[in-house]
Amino acid sequence: MKIDSDSTGDPGRHATLADLEKGFRSLADPPRDAGRVSLIVRKVQGGLRETPARIPVAPDSGLPGDAWGRKAERKADMQISVMQRDVAELIANGKFRARFGDDALRFVSNAELRPRNLRGIFMRVLQGGEVGPGDPVEVISRVTVRNIIREVKHGSPEHAATVELRDLVLRKPLGISFPPEELEAEKTFHHIACYRGEKLAGCLVLRPGINGEVQMKQVAVVPDLQRQGIGQAMVEYSEKFARDLGYRRMTLHARETAMVFYEKYGYAKIGDRFIQVTLPHWEMVKDLVTEKAGAGARSVT
């Protein structure tokens, strides 16, 4: 058994962000269905890391001696954290027990790479046994994650949560926030929320217009859940929602960086580029009458 007494790591071994990004592009795609255990690491008292050759695991204790078992409140679904070997080696510069550094944190937090779970995933022990390096790992089933999308009432706690998400994703990065009068004016709007289980995953606002027109506004997705189809599911739901209410055309003011996303779903830009909340935008439209009613069901996979 090896023990790492270095709780801070060697900054001289920390890889730069440029090197991490270059190295990541050269990695092979991760296996989907099978693999092998490469290394077991547990954090014992005093912040030391041990790498046992083999160790028993159990549903009530997870990895014996690890930090999870010493927590006052233990979440069963977070007993064990698992990380892809080649990503761990890339970040740790070939030494897993070295601390990673700021650039490594920025690298694994990259929004475009979130679906790859570079920081690892949590697991729980369902059946006890012994495990060690070299043991096979096999995926025996996959859970289908469902998005539950529905309208929430203005002024409700659910609505307040959507305002917080919109502020976090759309306004705070720009150094601005929603003025009270803007939120008050939204009383007549439709507020759409997307949930994964009980967790708010995304939201948007539909502003009723005239002559059969409705405007989609303030589309926001929780940062850790971006690029996982939530935006698409909310757009599809909102289009069906608007059709059911008799609206014939959807409009929106798209940030220039989001134009490709909306064009993919049939929106076309009109007019000239303009500045809104300090950023370049384009007005985009979609005819809801000629568009086939699609998969905008109340429960979308």
Protein backbone atom coordinates (compact mmCIF):
# COMPACT_ATOMS: atom_id res chain seq x y z
CA MET A 1 0.00 0.00 0.00
CA LYS A 2 1.34 3.42 -0.98
CA ILE A 3 0.77 6.57 1.04
CA ASP A 4 0.90 10.10 -0.36
CA SER A 5 1.81 12.58 2.36
CA ASP A 6 1.69 15.56 0.01
CA SER A 7 -1.67 17.28 0.54
CA THR A 8 -0.84 20.33 -1.57
CA GLY A 9 0.93 18.92 -4.63
CA ASP A 10 3.87 20.26 -6.60
CA PRO A 11 2.96 23.34 -8.69
CA GLY A 12 5.96 22.60 -10.86
CA ARG A 13 4.16 19.51 -12.13
CA HIS A 14 0.90 21.29 -12.97
CA ALA A 15 0.11 21.19 -16.69
CA THR A 16 -0.90 24.41 -18.45
CA LEU A 17 -4.36 24.85 -19.95
CA ALA A 18 -2.90 24.85 -23.47
CA ASP A 19 -1.09 21.56 -22.84
CA LEU A 20 -4.23 20.01 -21.34
CA GLU A 21 -6.37 20.99 -24.32
CA LYS A 22 -3.75 19.72 -26.77
CA GLY A 23 -3.35 16.45 -24.90
CA PHE A 24 -7.10 15.91 -24.65
CA ARG A 25 -7.53 16.17 -28.42
CA SER A 26 -5.12 13.26 -28.84
CA LEU A 27 -7.01 10.93 -26.47
CA ALA A 28 -9.05 8.06 -27.84
CA ASP A 29 -12.81 8.08 -27.30
CA PRO A 30 -13.72 6.56 -23.93
CA PRO A 31 -15.25 3.05 -23.89
CA ARG A 32 -19.02 2.98 -23.50
CA ASP A 33 -19.73 -0.52 -22.28
CA ALA A 34 -16.65 -2.05 -20.64
CA GLY A 35 -13.29 -1.21 -19.09
CA ARG A 36 -11.02 -2.09 -16.18
CA VAL A 37 -10.16 -0.70 -12.76
CA SER A 38 -6.77 1.07 -13.00
CA LEU A 39 -6.16 2.43 -9.51
CA ILE A 40 -7.93 2.70 -6.17
CA VAL A 41 -7.32 5.80 -4.07
CA ARG A 42 -8.83 6.53 -0.69
CA LYS A 43 -8.45 9.66 1.44
CA VAL A 44 -7.71 8.67 5.03
CA GLN A 45 -7.45 10.76 8.18
CA GLY A 46 -5.17 13.78 7.89
CA GLY A 47 -5.71 14.19 4.17
CA LEU A 48 -3.35 11.34 3.24
CA ARG A 49 -4.04 9.24 0.15
CA GLU A 50 -3.64 5.47 0.12
CA THR A 51 -3.63 3.21 -2.94
CA PRO A 52 -4.52 -0.30 -1.70
CA ALA A 53 -3.92 -3.28 -3.97
CA ARG A 54 -7.36 -4.71 -3.21
CA ILE A 55 -10.13 -3.61 -0.89
CA PRO A 56 -13.63 -4.79 0.13
CA VAL A 57 -16.57 -2.52 -0.60
CA ALA A 58 -20.05 -2.65 0.93
CA PRO A 59 -23.42 -0.89 0.49
CA ASP A 60 -23.33 0.63 3.98
CA SER A 61 -19.69 1.74 4.01
CA GLY A 62 -18.68 2.31 0.41
CA LEU A 63 -14.88 2.28 0.28
CA PRO A 64 -13.75 1.54 3.88
CA GLY A 65 -11.57 4.26 5.38
CA ASP A 66 -12.36 6.82 2.67
CA ALA A 67 -13.53 10.37 3.45
CA TRP A 68 -17.17 9.59 2.53
CA GLY A 69 -17.56 7.35 5.57
CA ARG A 70 -16.50 10.19 7.91
CA LYS A 71 -19.05 12.73 6.68
CA ALA A 72 -21.83 13.74 9.06
CA GLU A 73 -24.37 13.54 6.21
CA ARG A 74 -23.61 10.82 3.69
CA LYS A 75 -25.40 10.67 0.35
CA ALA A 76 -25.59 7.08 -0.84
CA ASP A 77 -25.29 8.06 -4.50
CA MET A 78 -21.93 9.75 -3.80
CA GLN A 79 -20.10 6.88 -2.05
CA ILE A 80 -17.39 6.47 -4.67
CA SER A 81 -16.07 8.88 -7.30
CA VAL A 82 -14.74 7.43 -10.56
CA MET A 83 -12.54 9.17 -13.11
CA GLN A 84 -11.41 8.17 -16.59
CA ARG A 85 -7.80 6.93 -16.41
CA ASP A 86 -6.27 8.74 -19.40
CA VAL A 87 -7.93 12.02 -18.38
CA ALA A 88 -6.59 11.61 -14.83
CA GLU A 89 -3.09 10.93 -16.16
CA LEU A 90 -3.27 13.92 -18.49
CA ILE A 91 -4.34 16.29 -15.73
CA ALA A 92 -1.95 14.87 -13.13
CA ASN A 93 0.99 14.88 -15.56
CA GLY A 94 1.42 11.15 -15.12
CA LYS A 95 1.19 11.18 -11.30
CA PHE A 96 -2.35 10.65 -10.06
CA ARG A 97 -1.65 11.65 -6.48
CA ALA A 98 -0.28 15.09 -7.44
CA ARG A 99 -2.73 17.92 -6.94
CA PHE A 100 -3.95 19.30 -10.25
CA GLY A 101 -3.69 23.10 -10.26
CA ASP A 102 -5.90 25.98 -11.44
CA ASP A 103 -5.58 25.30 -15.16
CA ALA A 104 -6.73 21.72 -14.63
CA LEU A 105 -9.83 22.99 -12.85
CA ARG A 106 -10.58 25.37 -15.70
CA PHE A 107 -10.06 22.56 -18.19
CA VAL A 108 -12.46 20.06 -16.60
CA SER A 109 -15.02 22.86 -16.02
CA ASN A 110 -15.16 23.79 -19.72
CA ALA A 111 -18.87 24.01 -20.62
CA GLU A 112 -18.32 22.36 -24.01
CA LEU A 113 -16.74 19.32 -22.34
CA ARG A 114 -19.27 18.85 -19.53
CA PRO A 115 -21.03 15.92 -21.25
CA ARG A 116 -17.70 14.02 -21.00
CA ASN A 117 -17.76 14.26 -17.16
CA LEU A 118 -14.03 14.96 -17.03
CA ARG A 119 -14.18 15.61 -13.29
CA GLY A 120 -15.57 12.09 -12.87
CA ILE A 121 -18.89 10.64 -11.78
CA PHE A 122 -20.28 9.39 -8.48
CA MET A 123 -21.29 5.78 -7.84
CA ARG A 124 -22.81 3.76 -5.01
CA VAL A 125 -22.23 0.17 -3.92
CA LEU A 126 -25.27 -2.04 -4.49
CA GLN A 127 -23.65 -5.39 -3.71
CA GLY A 128 -20.59 -5.98 -1.55
CA GLY A 129 -17.39 -7.62 -2.73
CA GLU A 130 -13.70 -7.05 -3.25
CA VAL A 131 -12.21 -4.85 -5.95
CA GLY A 132 -8.72 -4.08 -7.21
CA PRO A 133 -6.76 -2.87 -10.24
CA GLY A 134 -7.29 -5.06 -13.27
CA ASP A 135 -10.85 -6.05 -12.37
CA PRO A 136 -13.34 -5.70 -15.25
CA VAL A 137 -15.94 -2.94 -15.32
CA GLU A 138 -19.12 -3.53 -17.32
CA VAL A 139 -22.20 -1.40 -17.99
CA ILE A 140 -25.24 -3.62 -17.44
CA SER A 141 -27.96 -0.98 -17.89
CA ARG A 142 -28.45 2.73 -18.51
CA VAL A 143 -31.08 4.94 -16.91
CA THR A 144 -33.13 7.07 -19.27
CA VAL A 145 -33.11 10.64 -18.01
CA ARG A 146 -36.42 12.39 -18.58
CA ASN A 147 -37.04 16.12 -18.78
CA ILE A 148 -40.33 17.23 -17.25
CA ILE A 149 -41.36 20.55 -18.78
CA ARG A 150 -44.31 22.64 -17.63
CA GLU A 151 -45.58 26.17 -17.12
CA VAL A 152 -45.06 27.70 -13.66
CA LYS A 153 -47.10 30.48 -12.12
CA HIS A 154 -45.68 33.99 -11.91
CA GLY A 155 -44.87 34.85 -8.30
CA SER A 156 -44.68 31.23 -7.15
CA PRO A 157 -41.55 29.69 -5.55
CA GLU A 158 -41.03 27.76 -8.80
CA HIS A 159 -41.09 31.03 -10.73
CA ALA A 160 -38.65 32.62 -8.28
CA ALA A 161 -36.23 29.74 -8.94
CA THR A 162 -36.41 30.38 -12.70
CA VAL A 163 -35.64 34.07 -12.15
CA GLU A 164 -32.57 33.10 -10.11
CA LEU A 165 -31.41 30.78 -12.90
CA ARG A 166 -31.94 33.42 -15.59
CA ASP A 167 -30.02 35.94 -13.50
CA LEU A 168 -27.16 33.48 -12.89
CA VAL A 169 -26.77 32.43 -16.52
CA LEU A 170 -27.80 35.51 -18.51
CA ARG A 171 -27.21 38.62 -16.42
CA LYS A 172 -24.51 38.15 -13.77
CA PRO A 173 -21.80 37.29 -16.34
CA LEU A 174 -22.50 40.71 -17.86
CA GLY A 175 -22.37 42.51 -14.51
CA ILE A 176 -26.07 43.41 -14.59
CA SER A 177 -29.28 42.12 -13.01
CA PHE A 178 -33.04 42.22 -13.55
CA PRO A 179 -34.65 45.48 -12.39
CA PRO A 180 -37.84 44.92 -10.33
CA GLU A 181 -40.01 46.69 -12.90
CA GLU A 182 -38.89 44.28 -15.64
CA LEU A 183 -39.86 41.26 -13.56
CA GLU A 184 -43.17 42.88 -12.55
CA ALA A 185 -44.02 43.41 -16.24
CA GLU A 186 -43.76 39.65 -16.79
CA LYS A 187 -47.03 38.91 -14.96
CA THR A 188 -48.82 38.25 -18.24
CA PHE A 189 -46.02 36.14 -19.71
CA HIS A 190 -45.84 32.35 -19.83
CA HIS A 191 -43.00 30.98 -17.69
CA ILE A 192 -41.72 27.57 -18.81
CA ALA A 193 -39.53 25.41 -16.55
CA CYS A 194 -37.68 22.16 -17.27
CA TYR A 195 -36.94 19.72 -14.43
CA ARG A 196 -34.75 16.65 -14.11
CA GLY A 197 -36.28 14.87 -11.19
CA GLU A 198 -36.90 17.62 -8.67
CA LYS A 199 -34.02 19.77 -9.90
CA LEU A 200 -34.63 22.82 -12.09
CA ALA A 201 -32.57 22.27 -15.24
CA GLY A 202 -33.65 25.14 -17.50
CA CYS A 203 -36.28 27.77 -18.16
CA LEU A 204 -37.53 30.31 -20.67
CA VAL A 205 -40.22 32.96 -21.02
CA LEU A 206 -42.91 33.39 -23.68
CA ARG A 207 -44.17 36.95 -24.18
CA PRO A 208 -47.61 37.18 -25.84
CA GLY A 209 -47.72 39.54 -28.80
CA ILE A 210 -50.30 40.70 -31.32
CA ASN A 211 -51.52 39.28 -34.63
CA GLY A 212 -50.79 35.69 -33.61
CA GLU A 213 -47.18 36.37 -32.59
CA VAL A 214 -45.35 35.26 -29.44
CA GLN A 215 -41.77 36.00 -28.41
CA MET A 216 -39.40 33.48 -26.80
CA LYS A 217 -37.16 35.16 -24.23
CA GLN A 218 -34.55 34.46 -21.59
CA VAL A 219 -33.65 30.84 -22.45
CA ALA A 220 -31.34 29.59 -19.67
CA VAL A 221 -29.93 26.16 -18.80
CA VAL A 222 -28.07 25.20 -15.61
CA PRO A 223 -24.34 25.42 -16.53
CA ASP A 224 -23.54 21.84 -15.53
CA LEU A 225 -26.40 20.55 -17.72
CA GLN A 226 -25.70 22.53 -20.87
CA ARG A 227 -25.23 20.70 -24.19
CA GLN A 228 -27.40 17.81 -23.03
CA GLY A 229 -30.51 18.52 -25.11
CA ILE A 230 -32.37 20.59 -22.50
CA GLY A 231 -32.47 23.72 -24.66
CA GLN A 232 -33.82 21.75 -27.61
CA ALA A 233 -36.48 20.08 -25.45
CA MET A 234 -37.67 23.43 -24.08
CA VAL A 235 -37.82 25.00 -27.55
CA GLU A 236 -39.85 22.08 -28.92
CA TYR A 237 -42.19 22.16 -25.94
CA SER A 238 -42.65 25.93 -26.23
CA GLU A 239 -43.50 25.73 -29.92
CA LYS A 240 -46.25 23.17 -29.28
CA PHE A 241 -47.40 25.15 -26.22
CA ALA A 242 -47.70 28.28 -28.40
CA ARG A 243 -49.53 26.43 -31.19
CA ASP A 244 -52.03 25.04 -28.71
CA LEU A 245 -52.78 28.60 -27.61
CA GLY A 246 -53.34 29.68 -31.22
CA TYR A 247 -50.10 31.52 -31.90
CA ARG A 248 -48.91 31.36 -35.49
CA ARG A 249 -45.39 32.79 -35.35
CA MET A 250 -42.52 32.58 -32.83
CA THR A 251 -39.97 35.39 -32.65
CA LEU A 252 -36.86 35.81 -30.52
CA HIS A 253 -33.82 38.03 -30.02
CA ALA A 254 -30.88 35.65 -30.30
CA ARG A 255 -27.44 36.42 -29.02
CA GLU A 256 -25.07 36.24 -31.95
CA THR A 257 -23.31 33.28 -30.30
CA ALA A 258 -26.62 31.35 -30.20
CA MET A 259 -27.73 31.90 -33.80
CA VAL A 260 -26.46 28.52 -35.03
CA PHE A 261 -28.53 26.76 -32.36
CA TYR A 262 -31.77 28.43 -33.44
CA GLU A 263 -31.05 28.08 -37.16
CA LYS A 264 -30.77 24.34 -36.58
CA TYR A 265 -34.40 24.32 -35.44
CA GLY A 266 -35.80 26.34 -38.32
CA TYR A 267 -35.44 29.94 -37.14
CA ALA A 268 -34.37 32.55 -39.68
CA LYS A 269 -32.82 35.92 -38.94
CA ILE A 270 -34.47 39.12 -40.14
CA GLY A 271 -33.42 42.75 -40.05
CA ASP A 272 -30.06 44.04 -38.93
CA ARG A 273 -27.73 43.19 -36.09
CA PHE A 274 -28.41 45.17 -32.91
CA ILE A 275 -27.04 45.54 -29.37
CA GLN A 276 -29.08 44.36 -26.38
CA VAL A 277 -27.82 43.96 -22.78
CA THR A 278 -24.36 44.95 -24.09
CA LEU A 279 -24.19 42.04 -26.60
CA PRO A 280 -24.86 41.74 -30.37
CA HIS A 281 -28.24 40.17 -31.18
CA TRP A 282 -30.34 39.24 -34.21
CA GLU A 283 -34.11 38.99 -34.48
CA MET A 284 -35.15 35.53 -35.62
CA VAL A 285 -38.55 34.11 -36.57
CA LYS A 286 -40.27 30.79 -37.22
CA ASP A 287 -43.67 30.08 -38.75
CA LEU A 288 -45.55 27.80 -36.36
CA VAL A 289 -48.45 27.11 -38.73
CA THR A 290 -46.48 25.39 -41.47
CA GLU A 291 -44.13 23.68 -39.01
CA LYS A 292 -45.30 20.14 -38.21
CA ALA A 293 -46.35 19.68 -34.60
CA GLY A 294 -43.50 17.59 -33.28
CA ALA A 295 -42.20 16.08 -30.09
CA GLY A 296 -43.06 18.97 -27.76
CA ALA A 297 -44.82 16.67 -25.31
CA ARG A 298 -45.24 17.50 -21.64
CA SER A 299 -42.69 14.81 -20.80
CA VAL A 300 -39.70 14.75 -23.14
CA THR A 301 -36.75 12.36 -23.08
